[in-house]
C-alpha atoms as a PDB file:
ATOM      1  CA  MET A   1      -4.156-112.532 -44.474  1.00  0.00           C
ATOM      2  CA  LYS A   2      -5.529-113.022 -47.982  1.00  0.00           C
ATOM      3  CA  TYR A   3      -6.721-116.565 -47.170  1.00  0.00           C
ATOM      4  CA  GLY A   4      -8.284-115.348 -43.921  1.00  0.00           C
ATOM      5  CA  VAL A   5     -10.348-112.753 -45.786  1.00  0.00           C
ATOM      6  CA  SER A   6     -11.367-115.350 -48.384  1.00  0.00           C
ATOM      7  CA  PHE A   7     -12.420-117.762 -45.625  1.00  0.00           C
ATOM      8  CA  VAL A   8     -14.513-115.139 -43.823  1.00  0.00           C
ATOM      9  CA  THR A   9     -16.091-114.093 -47.144  1.00  0.00           C
ATOM     10  CA  ALA A  10     -16.940-117.714 -47.953  1.00  0.00           C
ATOM     11  CA  ILE A  11     -18.542-118.192 -44.517  1.00  0.00           C
ATOM     12  CA  GLY A  12     -20.565-114.988 -44.944  1.00  0.00           C
ATOM     13  CA  CYS A  13     -21.785-116.071 -48.402  1.00  0.00           C
ATOM     14  CA  ALA A  14     -22.729-119.511 -47.052  1.00  0.00           C
ATOM     15  CA  ILE A  15     -24.788-117.929 -44.263  1.00  0.00           C
ATOM     16  CA  LEU A  16     -26.583-115.687 -46.768  1.00  0.00           C
ATOM     17  CA  VAL A  17     -27.283-118.546 -49.195  1.00  0.00           C
ATOM     18  CA  MET A  18     -28.398-121.047 -46.540  1.00  0.00           C
ATOM     19  CA  PRO A  19     -32.027-119.779 -46.208  1.00  0.00           C
ATOM     20  CA  ILE A  20     -32.407-119.958 -50.010  1.00  0.00           C
ATOM     21  CA  LEU A  21     -31.168-123.554 -50.044  1.00  0.00           C
ATOM     22  CA  ILE A  22     -33.577-124.450 -47.228  1.00  0.00           C
ATOM     23  CA  VAL A  23     -36.555-122.994 -49.129  1.00  0.00           C
ATOM     24  CA  VAL A  24     -35.556-124.812 -52.340  1.00  0.00           C
ATOM     25  CA  THR A  25     -35.143-128.088 -50.425  1.00  0.00           C
ATOM     26  CA  ILE A  26     -38.560-127.744 -48.782  1.00  0.00           C
ATOM     27  CA  SER A  27     -40.200-127.115 -52.169  1.00  0.00           C
ATOM     28  CA  PHE A  28     -39.152-130.593 -53.323  1.00  0.00           C
ATOM     29  CA  GLY A  29     -40.620-132.282 -50.251  1.00  0.00           C
ATOM     30  CA  GLY A  30     -43.502-134.686 -50.527  1.00  0.00           C
ATOM     31  CA  ASP A  31     -44.981-133.983 -47.085  1.00  0.00           C
ATOM     32  CA  THR A  32     -48.397-132.372 -46.638  1.00  0.00           C
ATOM     33  CA  PHE A  33     -46.929-129.676 -44.396  1.00  0.00           C
ATOM     34  CA  VAL A  34     -43.719-127.668 -44.207  1.00  0.00           C
ATOM     35  CA  VAL A  35     -40.910-129.729 -42.682  1.00  0.00           C
ATOM     36  CA  PHE A  36     -37.127-129.537 -42.960  1.00  0.00           C
ATOM     37  CA  PRO A  37     -35.477-131.713 -43.961  1.00  0.00           C
ATOM     38  CA  PRO A  38     -38.262-133.400 -45.989  1.00  0.00           C
ATOM     39  CA  ARG A  39     -38.938-137.032 -45.161  1.00  0.00           C
ATOM     40  CA  HIS A  40     -39.212-137.827 -48.869  1.00  0.00           C
ATOM     41  CA  TYR A  41     -38.880-135.878 -52.106  1.00  0.00           C
ATOM     42  CA  SER A  42     -41.255-135.320 -55.024  1.00  0.00           C
ATOM     43  CA  LEU A  43     -42.476-132.690 -57.510  1.00  0.00           C
ATOM     44  CA  HIS A  44     -45.980-132.749 -56.035  1.00  0.00           C
ATOM     45  CA  TRP A  45     -46.055-129.097 -54.956  1.00  0.00           C
ATOM     46  CA  PHE A  46     -44.825-127.911 -58.345  1.00  0.00           C
ATOM     47  CA  HIS A  47     -47.698-129.856 -59.950  1.00  0.00           C
ATOM     48  CA  VAL A  48     -50.072-128.179 -57.478  1.00  0.00           C
ATOM     49  CA  LEU A  49     -48.567-124.781 -58.258  1.00  0.00           C
ATOM     50  CA  PHE A  50     -48.813-124.997 -62.053  1.00  0.00           C
ATOM     51  CA  GLY A  51     -52.170-126.743 -61.871  1.00  0.00           C
ATOM     52  CA  ASP A  52     -53.764-124.013 -59.756  1.00  0.00           C
ATOM     53  CA  LEU A  53     -55.465-121.313 -61.831  1.00  0.00           C
ATOM     54  CA  ASP A  54     -54.991-118.576 -59.212  1.00  0.00           C
ATOM     55  CA  TRP A  55     -51.220-119.097 -59.050  1.00  0.00           C
ATOM     56  CA  ARG A  56     -50.929-119.200 -62.848  1.00  0.00           C
ATOM     57  CA  GLU A  57     -52.934-115.996 -63.236  1.00  0.00           C
ATOM     58  CA  ALA A  58     -50.789-114.287 -60.580  1.00  0.00           C
ATOM     59  CA  PHE A  59     -47.621-115.350 -62.408  1.00  0.00           C
ATOM     60  CA  VAL A  60     -48.930-114.130 -65.776  1.00  0.00           C
ATOM     61  CA  SER A  61     -50.044-110.853 -64.206  1.00  0.00           C
ATOM     62  CA  SER A  62     -46.565-110.348 -62.698  1.00  0.00           C
ATOM     63  CA  VAL A  63     -44.911-110.971 -66.061  1.00  0.00           C
ATOM     64  CA  ARG A  64     -47.257-108.600 -67.921  1.00  0.00           C
ATOM     65  CA  ILE A  65     -46.786-105.805 -65.400  1.00  0.00           C
ATOM     66  CA  ALA A  66     -43.009-106.350 -65.316  1.00  0.00           C
ATOM     67  CA  LEU A  67     -42.795-106.189 -69.127  1.00  0.00           C
ATOM     68  CA  VAL A  68     -44.712-102.903 -69.201  1.00  0.00           C
ATOM     69  CA  ALA A  69     -42.490-101.474 -66.453  1.00  0.00           C
ATOM     70  CA  CYS A  70     -39.363-102.782 -68.181  1.00  0.00           C
ATOM     71  CA  VAL A  71     -40.172-101.144 -71.536  1.00  0.00           C
ATOM     72  CA  LEU A  72     -41.328 -97.823 -70.084  1.00  0.00           C
ATOM     73  CA  ALA A  73     -38.485 -97.510 -67.561  1.00  0.00           C
ATOM     74  CA  THR A  74     -35.812 -98.396 -70.134  1.00  0.00           C
ATOM     75  CA  PHE A  75     -37.101 -96.004 -72.806  1.00  0.00           C
ATOM     76  CA  THR A  76     -37.672 -93.110 -70.390  1.00  0.00           C
ATOM     77  CA  GLY A  77     -34.489 -93.835 -68.452  1.00  0.00           C
ATOM     78  CA  PHE A  78     -32.385 -93.819 -71.625  1.00  0.00           C
ATOM     79  CA  LEU A  79     -33.640 -90.372 -72.620  1.00  0.00           C
ATOM     80  CA  ALA A  80     -33.297 -89.057 -69.066  1.00  0.00           C
ATOM     81  CA  ALA A  81     -29.780 -90.449 -68.672  1.00  0.00           C
ATOM     82  CA  TYR A  82     -28.691 -88.980 -72.010  1.00  0.00           C
ATOM     83  CA  ALA A  83     -30.065 -85.570 -71.062  1.00  0.00           C
ATOM     84  CA  LEU A  84     -28.356 -85.691 -67.666  1.00  0.00           C
ATOM     85  CA  VAL A  85     -25.009 -86.851 -69.085  1.00  0.00           C
ATOM     86  CA  ARG A  86     -24.805 -84.646 -72.202  1.00  0.00           C
ATOM     87  CA  GLY A  87     -27.075 -81.752 -71.266  1.00  0.00           C
ATOM     88  CA  THR A  88     -25.898 -78.392 -69.937  1.00  0.00           C
ATOM     89  CA  PHE A  89     -29.053 -76.936 -68.421  1.00  0.00           C
ATOM     90  CA  PRO A  90     -29.709 -75.319 -65.029  1.00  0.00           C
ATOM     91  CA  PHE A  91     -30.793 -77.307 -61.965  1.00  0.00           C
ATOM     92  CA  LYS A  92     -29.389 -80.543 -63.421  1.00  0.00           C
ATOM     93  CA  ARG A  93     -28.392 -81.860 -59.987  1.00  0.00           C
ATOM     94  CA  LEU A  94     -31.852 -81.076 -58.642  1.00  0.00           C
ATOM     95  CA  ILE A  95     -33.492 -82.921 -61.539  1.00  0.00           C
ATOM     96  CA  LEU A  96     -31.192 -85.909 -60.977  1.00  0.00           C
ATOM     97  CA  THR A  97     -32.132 -85.939 -57.289  1.00  0.00           C
ATOM     98  CA  PHE A  98     -35.821 -85.803 -58.207  1.00  0.00           C
ATOM     99  CA  THR A  99     -35.338 -88.688 -60.659  1.00  0.00           C
ATOM    100  CA  LEU A 100     -33.724 -90.797 -57.923  1.00  0.00           C
ATOM    101  CA  MET A 101     -36.418 -89.995 -55.342  1.00  0.00           C
ATOM    102  CA  PRO A 102     -38.263 -93.350 -55.684  1.00  0.00           C
ATOM    103  CA  MET A 103     -35.051 -95.029 -54.532  1.00  0.00           C
ATOM    104  CA  ILE A 104     -34.704 -92.679 -51.544  1.00  0.00           C
ATOM    105  CA  VAL A 105     -38.287 -92.265 -50.314  1.00  0.00           C
ATOM    106  CA  PRO A 106     -39.679 -95.268 -48.346  1.00  0.00           C
ATOM    107  CA  THR A 107     -41.780 -97.467 -50.613  1.00  0.00           C
ATOM    108  CA  ILE A 108     -44.803 -97.336 -48.311  1.00  0.00           C
ATOM    109  CA  ILE A 109     -45.008 -93.531 -48.724  1.00  0.00           C
ATOM    110  CA  THR A 110     -44.761 -93.837 -52.508  1.00  0.00           C
ATOM    111  CA  SER A 111     -47.391 -96.581 -52.456  1.00  0.00           C
ATOM    112  CA  VAL A 112     -49.894 -94.496 -50.487  1.00  0.00           C
ATOM    113  CA  ALA A 113     -49.387 -91.524 -52.809  1.00  0.00           C
ATOM    114  CA  MET A 114     -49.809 -93.734 -55.883  1.00  0.00           C
ATOM    115  CA  TYR A 115     -52.930 -95.334 -54.396  1.00  0.00           C
ATOM    116  CA  PHE A 116     -54.720 -91.999 -53.856  1.00  0.00           C
ATOM    117  CA  LEU A 117     -53.938 -90.947 -57.422  1.00  0.00           C
ATOM    118  CA  THR A 118     -54.943 -94.350 -58.802  1.00  0.00           C
ATOM    119  CA  ALA A 119     -58.223 -94.418 -56.857  1.00  0.00           C
ATOM    120  CA  LYS A 120     -59.080 -90.894 -58.034  1.00  0.00           C
ATOM    121  CA  LEU A 121     -58.490 -91.951 -61.649  1.00  0.00           C
ATOM    122  CA  GLY A 122     -60.383 -95.229 -61.185  1.00  0.00           C
ATOM    123  CA  LEU A 123     -57.416 -97.316 -62.367  1.00  0.00           C
ATOM    124  CA  VAL A 124     -57.010 -99.741 -59.470  1.00  0.00           C
ATOM    125  CA  GLY A 125     -56.240-103.136 -60.985  1.00  0.00           C
ATOM    126  CA  ASN A 126     -55.374-101.773 -64.440  1.00  0.00           C
ATOM    127  CA  VAL A 127     -52.323-103.733 -65.601  1.00  0.00           C
ATOM    128  CA  LEU A 128     -50.957-100.954 -67.809  1.00  0.00           C
ATOM    129  CA  TRP A 129     -51.264 -98.380 -65.028  1.00  0.00           C
ATOM    130  CA  VAL A 130     -49.662-100.678 -62.431  1.00  0.00           C
ATOM    131  CA  GLY A 131     -46.815-101.272 -64.890  1.00  0.00           C
ATOM    132  CA  MET A 132     -46.374 -97.504 -65.253  1.00  0.00           C
ATOM    133  CA  CYS A 133     -46.220 -97.123 -61.469  1.00  0.00           C
ATOM    134  CA  HIS A 134     -43.668 -99.938 -61.257  1.00  0.00           C
ATOM    135  CA  ALA A 135     -41.682 -98.171 -63.986  1.00  0.00           C
ATOM    136  CA  VAL A 136     -41.422 -95.143 -61.687  1.00  0.00           C
ATOM    137  CA  LEU A 137     -39.768 -97.367 -59.066  1.00  0.00           C
ATOM    138  CA  ALA A 138     -37.428 -98.963 -61.614  1.00  0.00           C
ATOM    139  CA  LEU A 139     -36.479 -95.664 -63.273  1.00  0.00           C
ATOM    140  CA  PRO A 140     -33.645 -94.761 -60.827  1.00  0.00           C
ATOM    141  CA  LEU A 141     -31.904 -98.088 -61.500  1.00  0.00           C
ATOM    142  CA  VAL A 142     -32.130 -97.559 -65.245  1.00  0.00           C
ATOM    143  CA  VAL A 143     -30.867 -93.968 -65.040  1.00  0.00           C
ATOM    144  CA  LEU A 144     -27.880 -94.931 -62.891  1.00  0.00           C
ATOM    145  CA  ILE A 145     -26.875 -97.831 -65.149  1.00  0.00           C
ATOM    146  CA  LEU A 146     -27.313 -95.932 -68.415  1.00  0.00           C
ATOM    147  CA  SER A 147     -25.609 -92.794 -67.100  1.00  0.00           C
ATOM    148  CA  SER A 148     -22.506 -94.881 -66.478  1.00  0.00           C
ATOM    149  CA  VAL A 149     -22.768 -96.452 -69.942  1.00  0.00           C
ATOM    150  CA  LEU A 150     -23.302 -93.145 -71.764  1.00  0.00           C
ATOM    151  CA  GLN A 151     -20.332 -91.539 -70.038  1.00  0.00           C
ATOM    152  CA  SER A 152     -18.101 -94.151 -71.672  1.00  0.00           C
ATOM    153  CA  ILE A 153     -19.300 -93.213 -75.190  1.00  0.00           C
ATOM    154  CA  ASP A 154     -17.056 -90.699 -76.935  1.00  0.00           C
ATOM    155  CA  PRO A 155     -19.073 -87.473 -77.519  1.00  0.00           C
ATOM    156  CA  ASN A 156     -16.906 -86.737 -80.569  1.00  0.00           C
ATOM    157  CA  LEU A 157     -18.758 -89.518 -82.385  1.00  0.00           C
ATOM    158  CA  GLU A 158     -22.019 -87.700 -81.781  1.00  0.00           C
ATOM    159  CA  ARG A 159     -20.564 -84.387 -82.919  1.00  0.00           C
ATOM    160  CA  ALA A 160     -19.301 -86.054 -86.086  1.00  0.00           C
ATOM    161  CA  ALA A 161     -22.742 -87.503 -86.842  1.00  0.00           C
ATOM    162  CA  LEU A 162     -24.407 -84.120 -86.287  1.00  0.00           C
ATOM    163  CA  SER A 163     -21.834 -82.328 -88.452  1.00  0.00           C
ATOM    164  CA  LEU A 164     -22.546 -84.772 -91.289  1.00  0.00           C
ATOM    165  CA  GLY A 165     -26.192 -83.764 -91.346  1.00  0.00           C
ATOM    166  CA  ALA A 166     -27.857 -86.281 -89.030  1.00  0.00           C
ATOM    167  CA  SER A 167     -30.642 -84.951 -86.845  1.00  0.00           C
ATOM    168  CA  ARG A 168     -30.332 -85.447 -83.100  1.00  0.00           C
ATOM    169  CA  ALA A 169     -33.119 -88.023 -83.133  1.00  0.00           C
ATOM    170  CA  ARG A 170     -31.432 -89.996 -85.919  1.00  0.00           C
ATOM    171  CA  MET A 171     -28.074 -89.721 -84.150  1.00  0.00           C
ATOM    172  CA  LEU A 172     -29.616 -91.164 -80.972  1.00  0.00           C
ATOM    173  CA  ARG A 173     -31.329 -93.951 -82.905  1.00  0.00           C
ATOM    174  CA  THR A 174     -28.479 -95.007 -85.194  1.00  0.00           C
ATOM    175  CA  LEU A 175     -25.377 -94.192 -83.138  1.00  0.00           C
ATOM    176  CA  VAL A 176     -25.906 -93.805 -79.407  1.00  0.00           C
ATOM    177  CA  ALA A 177     -28.554 -96.496 -78.945  1.00  0.00           C
ATOM    178  CA  PRO A 178     -26.523 -99.268 -80.677  1.00  0.00           C
ATOM    179  CA  LEU A 179     -23.400 -98.345 -78.682  1.00  0.00           C
ATOM    180  CA  ALA A 180     -25.389 -98.310 -75.427  1.00  0.00           C
ATOM    181  CA  LEU A 181     -27.410-101.429 -76.292  1.00  0.00           C
ATOM    182  CA  PRO A 182     -25.648-103.837 -73.851  1.00  0.00           C
ATOM    183  CA  GLY A 183     -26.208-101.350 -71.039  1.00  0.00           C
ATOM    184  CA  MET A 184     -29.824-100.852 -72.103  1.00  0.00           C
ATOM    185  CA  VAL A 185     -30.463-104.599 -72.024  1.00  0.00           C
ATOM    186  CA  SER A 186     -28.813-104.819 -68.607  1.00  0.00           C
ATOM    187  CA  ALA A 187     -30.920-101.929 -67.318  1.00  0.00           C
ATOM    188  CA  ALA A 188     -34.063-103.520 -68.780  1.00  0.00           C
ATOM    189  CA  LEU A 189     -33.339-106.793 -66.977  1.00  0.00           C
ATOM    190  CA  PHE A 190     -32.919-105.022 -63.653  1.00  0.00           C
ATOM    191  CA  ALA A 191     -36.108-103.026 -64.280  1.00  0.00           C
ATOM    192  CA  PHE A 192     -37.948-106.293 -64.988  1.00  0.00           C
ATOM    193  CA  LEU A 193     -36.705-107.793 -61.706  1.00  0.00           C
ATOM    194  CA  ALA A 194     -37.548-104.652 -59.740  1.00  0.00           C
ATOM    195  CA  SER A 195     -41.150-104.859 -60.965  1.00  0.00           C
ATOM    196  CA  PHE A 196     -41.472-108.651 -60.802  1.00  0.00           C
ATOM    197  CA  ASP A 197     -40.460-108.733 -57.114  1.00  0.00           C
ATOM    198  CA  GLU A 198     -42.345-105.603 -56.027  1.00  0.00           C
ATOM    199  CA  LEU A 199     -44.855-106.239 -53.233  1.00  0.00           C
ATOM    200  CA  VAL A 200     -45.860-103.023 -51.451  1.00  0.00           C
ATOM    201  CA  VAL A 201     -46.954-100.972 -54.471  1.00  0.00           C
ATOM    202  CA  ALA A 202     -48.700-104.005 -55.982  1.00  0.00           C
ATOM    203  CA  MET A 203     -50.666-104.543 -52.758  1.00  0.00           C
ATOM    204  CA  PHE A 204     -52.070-101.015 -53.012  1.00  0.00           C
ATOM    205  CA  LEU A 205     -52.727-100.880 -56.757  1.00  0.00           C
ATOM    206  CA  THR A 206     -53.886-104.367 -57.782  1.00  0.00           C
ATOM    207  CA  ASN A 207     -57.186-106.129 -57.233  1.00  0.00           C
ATOM    208  CA  ALA A 208     -58.303-109.762 -57.253  1.00  0.00           C
ATOM    209  CA  GLN A 209     -58.108-109.952 -61.062  1.00  0.00           C
ATOM    210  CA  SER A 210     -54.644-108.407 -61.429  1.00  0.00           C
ATOM    211  CA  LYS A 211     -52.816-109.392 -58.243  1.00  0.00           C
ATOM    212  CA  THR A 212     -49.175-110.295 -58.772  1.00  0.00           C
ATOM    213  CA  LEU A 213     -47.199-113.278 -57.559  1.00  0.00           C
ATOM    214  CA  PRO A 214     -45.678-111.484 -54.517  1.00  0.00           C
ATOM    215  CA  VAL A 215     -49.175-110.326 -53.490  1.00  0.00           C
ATOM    216  CA  LYS A 216     -50.525-113.856 -53.883  1.00  0.00           C
ATOM    217  CA  ILE A 217     -47.667-115.193 -51.741  1.00  0.00           C
ATOM    218  CA  TRP A 218     -48.377-112.574 -49.070  1.00  0.00           C
ATOM    219  CA  SER A 219     -52.087-113.423 -49.048  1.00  0.00           C
ATOM    220  CA  SER A 220     -51.343-117.134 -48.753  1.00  0.00           C
ATOM    221  CA  LEU A 221     -48.920-116.582 -45.871  1.00  0.00           C
ATOM    222  CA  GLU A 222     -51.623-114.705 -43.966  1.00  0.00           C
ATOM    223  CA  LEU A 223     -53.940-117.723 -44.140  1.00  0.00           C
ATOM    224  CA  GLU A 224     -51.543-120.653 -43.738  1.00  0.00           C
ATOM    225  CA  ILE A 225     -48.003-121.738 -44.539  1.00  0.00           C
ATOM    226  CA  GLU A 226     -48.154-124.553 -47.064  1.00  0.00           C
ATOM    227  CA  PRO A 227     -45.394-126.158 -49.165  1.00  0.00           C
ATOM    228  CA  THR A 228     -46.863-124.580 -52.321  1.00  0.00           C
ATOM    229  CA  ILE A 229     -45.423-121.258 -51.193  1.00  0.00           C
ATOM    230  CA  SER A 230     -41.933-122.773 -51.055  1.00  0.00           C
ATOM    231  CA  ALA A 231     -42.444-124.031 -54.628  1.00  0.00           C
ATOM    232  CA  VAL A 232     -43.456-120.509 -55.705  1.00  0.00           C
ATOM    233  CA  SER A 233     -40.404-119.093 -53.922  1.00  0.00           C
ATOM    234  CA  THR A 234     -38.193-121.558 -55.797  1.00  0.00           C
ATOM    235  CA  VAL A 235     -39.683-120.391 -59.106  1.00  0.00           C
ATOM    236  CA  LEU A 236     -38.980-116.770 -58.132  1.00  0.00           C
ATOM    237  CA  ILE A 237     -35.404-117.677 -57.194  1.00  0.00           C
ATOM    238  CA  ILE A 238     -34.911-119.424 -60.556  1.00  0.00           C
ATOM    239  CA  VAL A 239     -36.321-116.443 -62.495  1.00  0.00           C
ATOM    240  CA  THR A 240     -34.130-113.991 -60.561  1.00  0.00           C
ATOM    241  CA  ALA A 241     -31.020-116.144 -60.969  1.00  0.00           C
ATOM    242  CA  PHE A 242     -31.701-116.576 -64.703  1.00  0.00           C
ATOM    243  CA  VAL A 243     -32.025-112.824 -65.252  1.00  0.00           C
ATOM    244  CA  LEU A 244     -28.855-112.101 -63.254  1.00  0.00           C
ATOM    245  CA  VAL A 245     -26.889-114.757 -65.165  1.00  0.00           C
ATOM    246  CA  CYS A 246     -28.089-113.287 -68.479  1.00  0.00           C
ATOM    247  CA  GLU A 247     -27.008-109.825 -67.321  1.00  0.00           C
ATOM    248  CA  THR A 248     -23.583-111.114 -66.263  1.00  0.00           C
ATOM    249  CA  LEU A 249     -23.016-112.938 -69.560  1.00  0.00           C
ATOM    250  CA  LEU A 250     -24.126-109.871 -71.499  1.00  0.00           C
ATOM    251  CA  ARG A 251     -21.746-107.631 -69.544  1.00  0.00           C
ATOM    252  CA  ARG A 252     -18.819-110.010 -70.093  1.00  0.00           C
ATOM    253  CA  SER A 253     -19.486-110.330 -73.817  1.00  0.00           C
ATOM    254  CA  SER A 254     -19.727-106.551 -74.061  1.00  0.00           C
ATOM    255  CA  SER A 255     -16.406-106.175 -72.222  1.00  0.00           C
ATOM    256  CA  ARG A 256     -14.732-108.674 -74.571  1.00  0.00           C
ATOM    257  CA  ALA A 257     -16.107-106.843 -77.619  1.00  0.00           C
ATOM    258  CA  SER A 258     -14.843-103.520 -76.281  1.00  0.00           C
ATOM    259  CA  SER A 259     -11.420-105.047 -75.619  1.00  0.00           C
ATOM    260  CA  ARG A 260     -11.228-106.364 -79.199  1.00  0.00           C
ATOM    261  CA  VAL A 261     -12.191-102.954 -80.609  1.00  0.00           C
ATOM    262  CA  ALA A 262      -9.581-101.246 -78.424  1.00  0.00           C
ATOM    263  CA  SER A 263      -6.867-103.723 -79.439  1.00  0.00           C
ATOM    264  CA  HIS A 264      -7.549-103.090 -83.137  1.00  0.00           C
END
């Protein structure tokens, strides 16, 4: 039975990974149009990608917006998660539900609402503002991750720090934040990915000067399907895989460190 489940799981994973492998294979083709399997292989489309100013600007814009969203969502999410985990105030469940709303409400509805506000403020295409809007979408992920991390921190440590004269702000900065640092880095990585891959909100809030990589891909697909898009998709896959590997390694190293502390 165990081997049967493993076999079915392996088949399911292979089916899920197959489209990714096809896209990566096409990106290394040397043909002038999309064909699978490629008749010969080269790095031509990667040279076209990194040599094209529009694609480079879209990539840089995506990174800048994702960094803004990452920093804002992690900082705000840490404070919100701490308040929700340690706080004893009324309507806490309602506030938690409101915080998680961007994950529940369809993205198109959120995008339309953000667009009307953005247009009224005259901030369409503003990188900082788009990053703030992306941070709203990433905030639920950060709150969920950090809430789990903060629940594992012994509150007696915080009480001890406060009883020794530390202010709450200093206690958060010097005690809670270092203990929650691996979780904060993990949450920041997921917030970065959530912003970097976001399409719908970016389509509403960006303009020609600040359009992100997903928006550029969407625009290119509307005109024609060319192998450059497969090269861009491969870059996105590599970035996503790199961030997920970093998060996994960080989580494992944190688990080992916790095990050593517990054993001592």
